[in-house]
Amino acid sequence: MTIAKPPEPYILLDSGNLKKLEQVGPFRLVRPALNAFWRPALPDAEWQKADAVLERDSRGNGHWDFKRELPEIWNVSYAGFILRIKPTAFGHLGFFAEQHANWAEFEKCGKIKALNLFAYSGIGSMAMAKGGAQVTHLDAARGMVEWAQENRRLNPDVPDAIRWIVDDVTQFCRREVRRGAKYNLIALDPPSFGRGSKAQVWKIEDDLIKLLELCCGLKEDGKPFTIALSAHSPGFSGLVMSNMLTDVFGRGECRSFEMTVADSTGRLNPSGICAIFSTR
């Protein structure tokens, strides 16, 4: 009997000059890293081995420059999961590596009810389910929910404890409040701008505080509660997000940190901020 080899891992090899060099399974990619103002640590010859480079124009539009033909889809291993990779024109691969610390915490959540908003390709939801939670996974894009379901099938050790929802985040939470639904863990990674399942407009500076107020209505009183808020939007620092959480949720413990990925030289590459509020 032939035993299938596990997929090759994702590794951040290097960063610098506003770019990052990534080994994504068998393929080497270069993508923008807008905070990497330092110089690369690896020699230029390593960067020249890239199979594809994501370039962006002055308007932020992305274009892949393929040095050789790559498959449309392949799998990698990262943070204890097998993940489906599909490079998009915008430059995404299908997961945000800097979320690894949050996924590790979600795996410790226990037998609770968890809600993952703006849930993307589902790694956070899988981590919650591995931790014992009954999970509601919500994203406004049907294609992303289907991608998340593909990831779930690639990881048979993840319990079948995820409810998949395609809906506008704000509208869904408003209905959940009316239904009296309660959760012990809520995670959200909102975009700066987006559209809901029925073209509803989302602007983080206008709508985040309203969504947090709805999430407060989903907190189960008298039980431990955690909300993990992450963002990649200019102006949303750790202090800003911590202040928002404590303003809405009141007394509790709140901490914030930069989300990072260590490259092969040990240097940390920052990518976004996370604030976590909890009550005991």
C-alpha atoms as a PDB file:
ATOM      1  CA  MET A   1       0.000   0.000   0.000  1.00  0.00           C
ATOM      2  CA  THR A   2       1.320   3.409  -0.986  1.00  0.00           C
ATOM      3  CA  ILE A   3       1.126   6.036   1.740  1.00  0.00           C
ATOM      4  CA  ALA A   4       0.550   9.534   0.426  1.00  0.00           C
ATOM      5  CA  LYS A   5       3.265  11.996   1.356  1.00  0.00           C
ATOM      6  CA  PRO A   6       2.084  14.999   3.374  1.00  0.00           C
ATOM      7  CA  PRO A   7       2.127  18.313   1.529  1.00  0.00           C
ATOM      8  CA  GLU A   8       5.269  20.412   1.732  1.00  0.00           C
ATOM      9  CA  PRO A   9       5.158  23.248   4.264  1.00  0.00           C
ATOM     10  CA  TYR A  10       4.683  26.973   3.970  1.00  0.00           C
ATOM     11  CA  ILE A  11       7.805  28.893   5.067  1.00  0.00           C
ATOM     12  CA  LEU A  12       8.465  32.618   5.133  1.00  0.00           C
ATOM     13  CA  LEU A  13      12.032  32.658   3.852  1.00  0.00           C
ATOM     14  CA  ASP A  14      12.883  36.351   3.946  1.00  0.00           C
ATOM     15  CA  SER A  15      11.511  39.869   3.779  1.00  0.00           C
ATOM     16  CA  GLY A  16      12.731  43.350   2.936  1.00  0.00           C
ATOM     17  CA  ASN A  17      12.431  46.195   0.449  1.00  0.00           C
ATOM     18  CA  LEU A  18       8.633  46.023   0.922  1.00  0.00           C
ATOM     19  CA  LYS A  19       8.486  42.413  -0.284  1.00  0.00           C
ATOM     20  CA  LYS A  20       8.440  38.921   1.211  1.00  0.00           C
ATOM     21  CA  LEU A  21       9.939  35.716  -0.140  1.00  0.00           C
ATOM     22  CA  GLU A  22       7.794  32.658   0.592  1.00  0.00           C
ATOM     23  CA  GLN A  23       8.231  28.952   0.047  1.00  0.00           C
ATOM     24  CA  VAL A  24       4.645  27.841  -0.540  1.00  0.00           C
ATOM     25  CA  GLY A  25       4.994  24.090  -0.708  1.00  0.00           C
ATOM     26  CA  PRO A  26       7.058  23.268  -3.811  1.00  0.00           C
ATOM     27  CA  PHE A  27       6.855  26.797  -5.214  1.00  0.00           C
ATOM     28  CA  ARG A  28       8.710  29.978  -4.312  1.00  0.00           C
ATOM     29  CA  LEU A  29       6.716  33.219  -4.474  1.00  0.00           C
ATOM     30  CA  VAL A  30       7.403  36.917  -3.939  1.00  0.00           C
ATOM     31  CA  ARG A  31       4.565  39.110  -2.684  1.00  0.00           C
ATOM     32  CA  PRO A  32       4.333  42.671  -1.326  1.00  0.00           C
ATOM     33  CA  ALA A  33       5.061  43.247   2.389  1.00  0.00           C
ATOM     34  CA  LEU A  34       4.138  46.856   2.977  1.00  0.00           C
ATOM     35  CA  ASN A  35       5.822  47.077   6.406  1.00  0.00           C
ATOM     36  CA  ALA A  36       9.151  45.530   5.374  1.00  0.00           C
ATOM     37  CA  PHE A  37      11.242  48.691   5.206  1.00  0.00           C
ATOM     38  CA  TRP A  38      14.440  46.836   6.119  1.00  0.00           C
ATOM     39  CA  ARG A  39      16.895  45.103   3.786  1.00  0.00           C
ATOM     40  CA  PRO A  40      16.577  41.398   2.870  1.00  0.00           C
ATOM     41  CA  ALA A  41      18.742  39.052   4.891  1.00  0.00           C
ATOM     42  CA  LEU A  42      19.175  36.411   2.178  1.00  0.00           C
ATOM     43  CA  PRO A  43      21.281  37.009  -0.937  1.00  0.00           C
ATOM     44  CA  ASP A  44      19.626  38.183  -4.112  1.00  0.00           C
ATOM     45  CA  ALA A  45      20.288  34.791  -5.701  1.00  0.00           C
ATOM     46  CA  GLU A  46      17.687  33.257  -3.368  1.00  0.00           C
ATOM     47  CA  TRP A  47      15.081  35.807  -4.437  1.00  0.00           C
ATOM     48  CA  GLN A  48      15.861  35.169  -8.095  1.00  0.00           C
ATOM     49  CA  LYS A  49      14.720  31.563  -7.645  1.00  0.00           C
ATOM     50  CA  ALA A  50      11.098  32.737  -7.334  1.00  0.00           C
ATOM     51  CA  ASP A  51       8.584  30.902  -9.516  1.00  0.00           C
ATOM     52  CA  ALA A  52       6.161  33.841  -9.495  1.00  0.00           C
ATOM     53  CA  VAL A  53       6.146  37.490  -8.407  1.00  0.00           C
ATOM     54  CA  LEU A  54       3.053  39.482  -7.479  1.00  0.00           C
ATOM     55  CA  GLU A  55       3.346  43.053  -8.729  1.00  0.00           C
ATOM     56  CA  ARG A  56       0.969  45.881  -7.840  1.00  0.00           C
ATOM     57  CA  ASP A  57       0.397  49.092  -9.790  1.00  0.00           C
ATOM     58  CA  SER A  58      -0.165  52.567  -8.325  1.00  0.00           C
ATOM     59  CA  ARG A  59      -3.880  51.821  -7.891  1.00  0.00           C
ATOM     60  CA  GLY A  60      -3.233  48.630  -5.957  1.00  0.00           C
ATOM     61  CA  ASN A  61      -4.233  46.244  -8.742  1.00  0.00           C
ATOM     62  CA  GLY A  62      -2.319  42.970  -8.646  1.00  0.00           C
ATOM     63  CA  HIS A  63      -0.706  40.974 -11.440  1.00  0.00           C
ATOM     64  CA  TRP A  64       1.267  37.730 -11.195  1.00  0.00           C
ATOM     65  CA  ASP A  65       4.459  37.483 -13.228  1.00  0.00           C
ATOM     66  CA  PHE A  66       4.940  33.733 -13.607  1.00  0.00           C
ATOM     67  CA  LYS A  67       8.519  32.599 -14.242  1.00  0.00           C
ATOM     68  CA  ARG A  68       7.212  29.098 -14.946  1.00  0.00           C
ATOM     69  CA  GLU A  69       3.820  27.482 -15.164  1.00  0.00           C
ATOM     70  CA  LEU A  70       2.197  26.826 -11.787  1.00  0.00           C
ATOM     71  CA  PRO A  71      -0.921  24.765 -11.080  1.00  0.00           C
ATOM     72  CA  GLU A  72      -4.107  26.661 -10.305  1.00  0.00           C
ATOM     73  CA  ILE A  73      -4.444  24.790  -6.998  1.00  0.00           C
ATOM     74  CA  TRP A  74      -2.090  22.936  -4.675  1.00  0.00           C
ATOM     75  CA  ASN A  75      -1.847  22.026  -0.992  1.00  0.00           C
ATOM     76  CA  VAL A  76       0.597  22.997   1.753  1.00  0.00           C
ATOM     77  CA  SER A  77       0.973  22.208   5.435  1.00  0.00           C
ATOM     78  CA  TYR A  78       1.057  25.005   7.999  1.00  0.00           C
ATOM     79  CA  ALA A  79       0.296  25.380  11.719  1.00  0.00           C
ATOM     80  CA  GLY A  80      -0.913  21.788  11.972  1.00  0.00           C
ATOM     81  CA  PHE A  81      -3.314  21.957   9.014  1.00  0.00           C
ATOM     82  CA  ILE A  82      -3.349  21.011   5.354  1.00  0.00           C
ATOM     83  CA  LEU A  83      -4.435  24.051   3.370  1.00  0.00           C
ATOM     84  CA  ARG A  84      -5.626  24.516  -0.181  1.00  0.00           C
ATOM     85  CA  ILE A  85      -3.673  27.210  -2.056  1.00  0.00           C
ATOM     86  CA  LYS A  86      -5.208  29.212  -4.904  1.00  0.00           C
ATOM     87  CA  PRO A  87      -3.221  32.347  -5.813  1.00  0.00           C
ATOM     88  CA  THR A  88      -5.649  35.157  -6.589  1.00  0.00           C
ATOM     89  CA  ALA A  89      -5.197  38.233  -8.758  1.00  0.00           C
ATOM     90  CA  PHE A  90      -5.352  40.353  -5.614  1.00  0.00           C
ATOM     91  CA  GLY A  91      -2.346  38.469  -4.264  1.00  0.00           C
ATOM     92  CA  HIS A  92      -3.944  36.284  -1.594  1.00  0.00           C
ATOM     93  CA  LEU A  93      -3.082  32.597  -1.312  1.00  0.00           C
ATOM     94  CA  GLY A  94      -5.984  31.407   0.833  1.00  0.00           C
ATOM     95  CA  PHE A  95      -4.742  31.917   4.378  1.00  0.00           C
ATOM     96  CA  PHE A  96      -3.141  34.598   6.531  1.00  0.00           C
ATOM     97  CA  ALA A  97      -0.038  33.071   8.093  1.00  0.00           C
ATOM     98  CA  GLU A  98       0.180  35.748  10.793  1.00  0.00           C
ATOM     99  CA  GLN A  99      -2.988  34.351  12.417  1.00  0.00           C
ATOM    100  CA  HIS A 100      -1.132  31.244  13.621  1.00  0.00           C
ATOM    101  CA  ALA A 101      -0.966  32.371  17.255  1.00  0.00           C
ATOM    102  CA  ASN A 102      -4.736  32.918  17.344  1.00  0.00           C
ATOM    103  CA  TRP A 103      -5.386  29.498  15.813  1.00  0.00           C
ATOM    104  CA  ALA A 104      -3.216  27.910  18.517  1.00  0.00           C
ATOM    105  CA  GLU A 105      -5.303  29.640  21.199  1.00  0.00           C
ATOM    106  CA  PHE A 106      -8.567  28.607  19.537  1.00  0.00           C
ATOM    107  CA  GLU A 107      -7.470  24.964  19.763  1.00  0.00           C
ATOM    108  CA  LYS A 108      -7.556  25.329  23.559  1.00  0.00           C
ATOM    109  CA  CYS A 109     -11.117  26.681  23.671  1.00  0.00           C
ATOM    110  CA  GLY A 110     -12.916  23.583  25.007  1.00  0.00           C
ATOM    111  CA  LYS A 111     -16.552  22.572  24.583  1.00  0.00           C
ATOM    112  CA  ILE A 112     -18.120  25.942  23.907  1.00  0.00           C
ATOM    113  CA  LYS A 113     -20.144  27.716  21.235  1.00  0.00           C
ATOM    114  CA  ALA A 114     -17.958  29.754  18.885  1.00  0.00           C
ATOM    115  CA  LEU A 115     -18.713  32.250  16.117  1.00  0.00           C
ATOM    116  CA  ASN A 116     -16.173  33.059  13.395  1.00  0.00           C
ATOM    117  CA  LEU A 117     -17.076  36.208  11.417  1.00  0.00           C
ATOM    118  CA  PHE A 118     -15.424  37.241   8.127  1.00  0.00           C
ATOM    119  CA  ALA A 119     -14.190  33.672   8.419  1.00  0.00           C
ATOM    120  CA  TYR A 120     -12.398  33.483   5.045  1.00  0.00           C
ATOM    121  CA  SER A 121     -11.020  30.016   4.243  1.00  0.00           C
ATOM    122  CA  GLY A 122     -11.813  28.476   7.587  1.00  0.00           C
ATOM    123  CA  ILE A 123      -8.574  27.774   9.414  1.00  0.00           C
ATOM    124  CA  GLY A 124      -9.794  29.607  12.507  1.00  0.00           C
ATOM    125  CA  SER A 125     -13.035  27.636  12.408  1.00  0.00           C
ATOM    126  CA  MET A 126     -11.144  24.355  12.093  1.00  0.00           C
ATOM    127  CA  ALA A 127      -8.952  25.298  15.059  1.00  0.00           C
ATOM    128  CA  MET A 128     -12.047  26.016  17.168  1.00  0.00           C
ATOM    129  CA  ALA A 129     -13.590  22.690  16.170  1.00  0.00           C
ATOM    130  CA  LYS A 130     -10.355  20.835  17.031  1.00  0.00           C
ATOM    131  CA  GLY A 131     -10.552  22.487  20.433  1.00  0.00           C
ATOM    132  CA  GLY A 132     -14.000  21.009  21.027  1.00  0.00           C
ATOM    133  CA  ALA A 133     -16.243  23.928  20.029  1.00  0.00           C
ATOM    134  CA  GLN A 134     -19.502  23.902  18.128  1.00  0.00           C
ATOM    135  CA  VAL A 135     -18.637  26.475  15.469  1.00  0.00           C
ATOM    136  CA  THR A 136     -20.644  28.832  13.292  1.00  0.00           C
ATOM    137  CA  HIS A 137     -18.506  29.878  10.311  1.00  0.00           C
ATOM    138  CA  LEU A 138     -19.764  32.931   8.440  1.00  0.00           C
ATOM    139  CA  ASP A 139     -18.537  34.712   5.321  1.00  0.00           C
ATOM    140  CA  ALA A 140     -20.409  36.836   2.795  1.00  0.00           C
ATOM    141  CA  ALA A 141     -18.693  35.181  -0.196  1.00  0.00           C
ATOM    142  CA  ARG A 142     -20.066  31.780  -1.176  1.00  0.00           C
ATOM    143  CA  GLY A 143     -16.794  30.963  -2.918  1.00  0.00           C
ATOM    144  CA  MET A 144     -14.861  31.500   0.300  1.00  0.00           C
ATOM    145  CA  VAL A 145     -17.212  29.280   2.290  1.00  0.00           C
ATOM    146  CA  GLU A 146     -16.777  26.557  -0.330  1.00  0.00           C
ATOM    147  CA  TRP A 147     -13.004  27.003  -0.071  1.00  0.00           C
ATOM    148  CA  ALA A 148     -13.278  26.614   3.710  1.00  0.00           C
ATOM    149  CA  GLN A 149     -15.262  23.422   3.240  1.00  0.00           C
ATOM    150  CA  GLU A 150     -12.505  22.116   0.945  1.00  0.00           C
ATOM    151  CA  ASN A 151      -9.981  22.807   3.700  1.00  0.00           C
ATOM    152  CA  ARG A 152     -12.151  20.943   6.183  1.00  0.00           C
ATOM    153  CA  ARG A 153     -12.206  17.885   3.905  1.00  0.00           C
ATOM    154  CA  LEU A 154      -8.409  17.995   3.688  1.00  0.00           C
ATOM    155  CA  ASN A 155      -8.218  17.713   7.493  1.00  0.00           C
ATOM    156  CA  PRO A 156     -10.177  14.624   8.576  1.00  0.00           C
ATOM    157  CA  ASP A 157      -8.955  15.035  12.151  1.00  0.00           C
ATOM    158  CA  VAL A 158     -11.086  18.186  12.463  1.00  0.00           C
ATOM    159  CA  PRO A 159     -14.464  17.258  14.004  1.00  0.00           C
ATOM    160  CA  ASP A 160     -17.551  17.743  11.873  1.00  0.00           C
ATOM    161  CA  ALA A 161     -18.789  20.484  14.193  1.00  0.00           C
ATOM    162  CA  ILE A 162     -18.896  23.511  11.883  1.00  0.00           C
ATOM    163  CA  ARG A 163     -22.084  25.186  10.646  1.00  0.00           C
ATOM    164  CA  TRP A 164     -21.387  26.937   7.317  1.00  0.00           C
ATOM    165  CA  ILE A 165     -23.218  30.218   6.666  1.00  0.00           C
ATOM    166  CA  VAL A 166     -23.131  32.544   3.637  1.00  0.00           C
ATOM    167  CA  ASP A 167     -24.536  35.866   4.795  1.00  0.00           C
ATOM    168  CA  ASP A 168     -23.825  39.505   5.538  1.00  0.00           C
ATOM    169  CA  VAL A 169     -22.082  39.617   8.914  1.00  0.00           C
ATOM    170  CA  THR A 170     -24.065  42.519  10.375  1.00  0.00           C
ATOM    171  CA  GLN A 171     -27.437  41.206   9.211  1.00  0.00           C
ATOM    172  CA  PHE A 172     -26.689  37.721  10.551  1.00  0.00           C
ATOM    173  CA  CYS A 173     -25.608  39.019  13.959  1.00  0.00           C
ATOM    174  CA  ARG A 174     -28.698  41.211  14.182  1.00  0.00           C
ATOM    175  CA  ARG A 175     -30.900  38.169  13.574  1.00  0.00           C
ATOM    176  CA  GLU A 176     -28.918  36.087  16.075  1.00  0.00           C
ATOM    177  CA  VAL A 177     -29.501  38.735  18.738  1.00  0.00           C
ATOM    178  CA  ARG A 178     -33.247  38.640  18.034  1.00  0.00           C
ATOM    179  CA  ARG A 179     -33.192  34.834  18.229  1.00  0.00           C
ATOM    180  CA  GLY A 180     -31.455  34.951  21.605  1.00  0.00           C
ATOM    181  CA  ALA A 181     -28.378  33.073  20.378  1.00  0.00           C
ATOM    182  CA  LYS A 182     -25.373  33.091  22.701  1.00  0.00           C
ATOM    183  CA  TYR A 183     -21.671  32.393  22.133  1.00  0.00           C
ATOM    184  CA  ASN A 184     -18.642  31.974  24.392  1.00  0.00           C
ATOM    185  CA  LEU A 185     -16.014  32.827  21.758  1.00  0.00           C
ATOM    186  CA  ILE A 186     -16.266  35.257  18.855  1.00  0.00           C
ATOM    187  CA  ALA A 187     -13.500  35.912  16.329  1.00  0.00           C
ATOM    188  CA  LEU A 188     -13.571  38.545  13.612  1.00  0.00           C
ATOM    189  CA  ASP A 189     -11.019  39.798  11.109  1.00  0.00           C
ATOM    190  CA  PRO A 190     -12.911  42.543   9.264  1.00  0.00           C
ATOM    191  CA  PRO A 191     -11.690  44.093   6.014  1.00  0.00           C
ATOM    192  CA  SER A 192     -11.257  47.826   5.574  1.00  0.00           C
ATOM    193  CA  PHE A 193     -13.965  47.781   2.910  1.00  0.00           C
ATOM    194  CA  GLY A 194     -16.240  45.062   1.605  1.00  0.00           C
ATOM    195  CA  ARG A 195     -19.673  44.069   0.399  1.00  0.00           C
ATOM    196  CA  GLY A 196     -22.116  41.658   1.981  1.00  0.00           C
ATOM    197  CA  SER A 197     -23.864  38.724   0.344  1.00  0.00           C
ATOM    198  CA  LYS A 198     -26.476  41.117  -1.051  1.00  0.00           C
ATOM    199  CA  ALA A 199     -24.055  43.959  -1.914  1.00  0.00           C
ATOM    200  CA  GLN A 200     -24.334  45.646   1.497  1.00  0.00           C
ATOM    201  CA  VAL A 201     -21.415  48.050   1.931  1.00  0.00           C
ATOM    202  CA  TRP A 202     -19.007  47.557   4.842  1.00  0.00           C
ATOM    203  CA  LYS A 203     -16.638  50.345   5.962  1.00  0.00           C
ATOM    204  CA  ILE A 204     -14.601  49.453   9.013  1.00  0.00           C
ATOM    205  CA  GLU A 205     -14.434  53.016  10.355  1.00  0.00           C
ATOM    206  CA  ASP A 206     -18.239  53.331  10.240  1.00  0.00           C
ATOM    207  CA  ASP A 207     -19.448  49.804  10.915  1.00  0.00           C
ATOM    208  CA  LEU A 208     -17.035  48.053  13.272  1.00  0.00           C
ATOM    209  CA  ILE A 209     -18.315  49.624  16.489  1.00  0.00           C
ATOM    210  CA  LYS A 210     -21.904  48.774  15.500  1.00  0.00           C
ATOM    211  CA  LEU A 211     -20.907  45.163  14.873  1.00  0.00           C
ATOM    212  CA  LEU A 212     -19.107  44.949  18.214  1.00  0.00           C
ATOM    213  CA  GLU A 213     -22.290  46.163  19.936  1.00  0.00           C
ATOM    214  CA  LEU A 214     -24.205  43.345  18.242  1.00  0.00           C
ATOM    215  CA  CYS A 215     -21.516  40.881  19.356  1.00  0.00           C
ATOM    216  CA  CYS A 216     -21.982  42.137  22.919  1.00  0.00           C
ATOM    217  CA  GLY A 217     -25.625  41.074  22.639  1.00  0.00           C
ATOM    218  CA  LEU A 218     -24.427  37.557  21.743  1.00  0.00           C
ATOM    219  CA  LYS A 219     -22.292  37.161  24.876  1.00  0.00           C
ATOM    220  CA  GLU A 220     -23.589  34.595  27.337  1.00  0.00           C
ATOM    221  CA  ASP A 221     -23.894  36.340  30.696  1.00  0.00           C
ATOM    222  CA  GLY A 222     -22.298  34.621  33.652  1.00  0.00           C
ATOM    223  CA  LYS A 223     -20.035  32.458  31.499  1.00  0.00           C
ATOM    224  CA  PRO A 224     -16.422  33.030  30.415  1.00  0.00           C
ATOM    225  CA  PHE A 225     -16.314  34.967  27.170  1.00  0.00           C
ATOM    226  CA  THR A 226     -13.598  35.885  24.678  1.00  0.00           C
ATOM    227  CA  ILE A 227     -13.654  38.063  21.584  1.00  0.00           C
ATOM    228  CA  ALA A 228     -10.604  38.167  19.285  1.00  0.00           C
ATOM    229  CA  LEU A 229     -10.559  41.181  16.955  1.00  0.00           C
ATOM    230  CA  SER A 230      -7.840  41.444  14.312  1.00  0.00           C
ATOM    231  CA  ALA A 231      -7.385  44.020  11.578  1.00  0.00           C
ATOM    232  CA  HIS A 232      -5.014  45.165   8.860  1.00  0.00           C
ATOM    233  CA  SER A 233      -6.527  48.624   8.397  1.00  0.00           C
ATOM    234  CA  PRO A 234      -4.552  51.880   8.742  1.00  0.00           C
ATOM    235  CA  GLY A 235      -5.425  53.717  11.947  1.00  0.00           C
ATOM    236  CA  PHE A 236      -6.570  50.602  13.810  1.00  0.00           C
ATOM    237  CA  SER A 237      -3.740  50.178  16.282  1.00  0.00           C
ATOM    238  CA  GLY A 238      -3.739  47.819  19.238  1.00  0.00           C
ATOM    239  CA  LEU A 239      -4.686  50.660  21.555  1.00  0.00           C
ATOM    240  CA  VAL A 240      -7.529  51.769  19.295  1.00  0.00           C
ATOM    241  CA  MET A 241      -8.999  48.261  19.123  1.00  0.00           C
ATOM    242  CA  SER A 242      -8.519  47.654  22.843  1.00  0.00           C
ATOM    243  CA  ASN A 243     -10.331  50.894  23.618  1.00  0.00           C
ATOM    244  CA  MET A 244     -13.179  49.877  21.327  1.00  0.00           C
ATOM    245  CA  LEU A 245     -13.517  46.470  22.977  1.00  0.00           C
ATOM    246  CA  THR A 246     -13.483  47.784  26.531  1.00  0.00           C
ATOM    247  CA  ASP A 247     -15.896  50.571  25.564  1.00  0.00           C
ATOM    248  CA  VAL A 248     -18.417  48.026  24.264  1.00  0.00           C
ATOM    249  CA  PHE A 249     -17.847  45.048  26.584  1.00  0.00           C
ATOM    250  CA  GLY A 250     -17.009  46.812  29.839  1.00  0.00           C
ATOM    251  CA  ARG A 251     -14.958  45.185  32.552  1.00  0.00           C
ATOM    252  CA  GLY A 252     -12.590  42.416  31.604  1.00  0.00           C
ATOM    253  CA  GLU A 253      -9.028  41.698  30.541  1.00  0.00           C
ATOM    254  CA  CYS A 254      -7.811  43.099  27.227  1.00  0.00           C
ATOM    255  CA  ARG A 255      -4.481  42.680  25.516  1.00  0.00           C
ATOM    256  CA  SER A 256      -3.221  43.602  22.064  1.00  0.00           C
ATOM    257  CA  PHE A 257      -0.245  42.559  19.975  1.00  0.00           C
ATOM    258  CA  GLU A 258       1.222  42.692  16.504  1.00  0.00           C
ATOM    259  CA  MET A 259       0.569  39.550  14.503  1.00  0.00           C
ATOM    260  CA  THR A 260       3.847  38.293  13.078  1.00  0.00           C
ATOM    261  CA  VAL A 261       5.474  35.483  11.137  1.00  0.00           C
ATOM    262  CA  ALA A 262       9.127  34.592  11.737  1.00  0.00           C
ATOM    263  CA  ASP A 263      11.204  34.179   8.595  1.00  0.00           C
ATOM    264  CA  SER A 264      13.953  31.596   8.145  1.00  0.00           C
ATOM    265  CA  THR A 265      16.518  34.006   9.643  1.00  0.00           C
ATOM    266  CA  GLY A 266      14.431  34.432  12.821  1.00  0.00           C
ATOM    267  CA  ARG A 267      13.344  37.971  12.002  1.00  0.00           C
ATOM    268  CA  LEU A 268       9.695  38.742  12.728  1.00  0.00           C
ATOM    269  CA  ASN A 269       7.585  40.141   9.919  1.00  0.00           C
ATOM    270  CA  PRO A 270       4.610  42.155  11.294  1.00  0.00           C
ATOM    271  CA  SER A 271       1.267  41.940   9.528  1.00  0.00           C
ATOM    272  CA  GLY A 272      -1.737  43.380  11.310  1.00  0.00           C
ATOM    273  CA  ILE A 273      -2.890  43.880  14.867  1.00  0.00           C
ATOM    274  CA  CYS A 274      -4.977  41.730  17.190  1.00  0.00           C
ATOM    275  CA  ALA A 275      -6.813  42.701  20.375  1.00  0.00           C
ATOM    276  CA  ILE A 276      -8.350  40.040  22.624  1.00  0.00           C
ATOM    277  CA  PHE A 277     -10.902  40.826  25.319  1.00  0.00           C
ATOM    278  CA  SER A 278     -11.978  38.189  27.830  1.00  0.00           C
ATOM    279  CA  THR A 279     -14.018  37.750  30.981  1.00  0.00           C
ATOM    280  CA  ARG A 280     -13.705  34.898  33.459  1.00  0.00           C
END
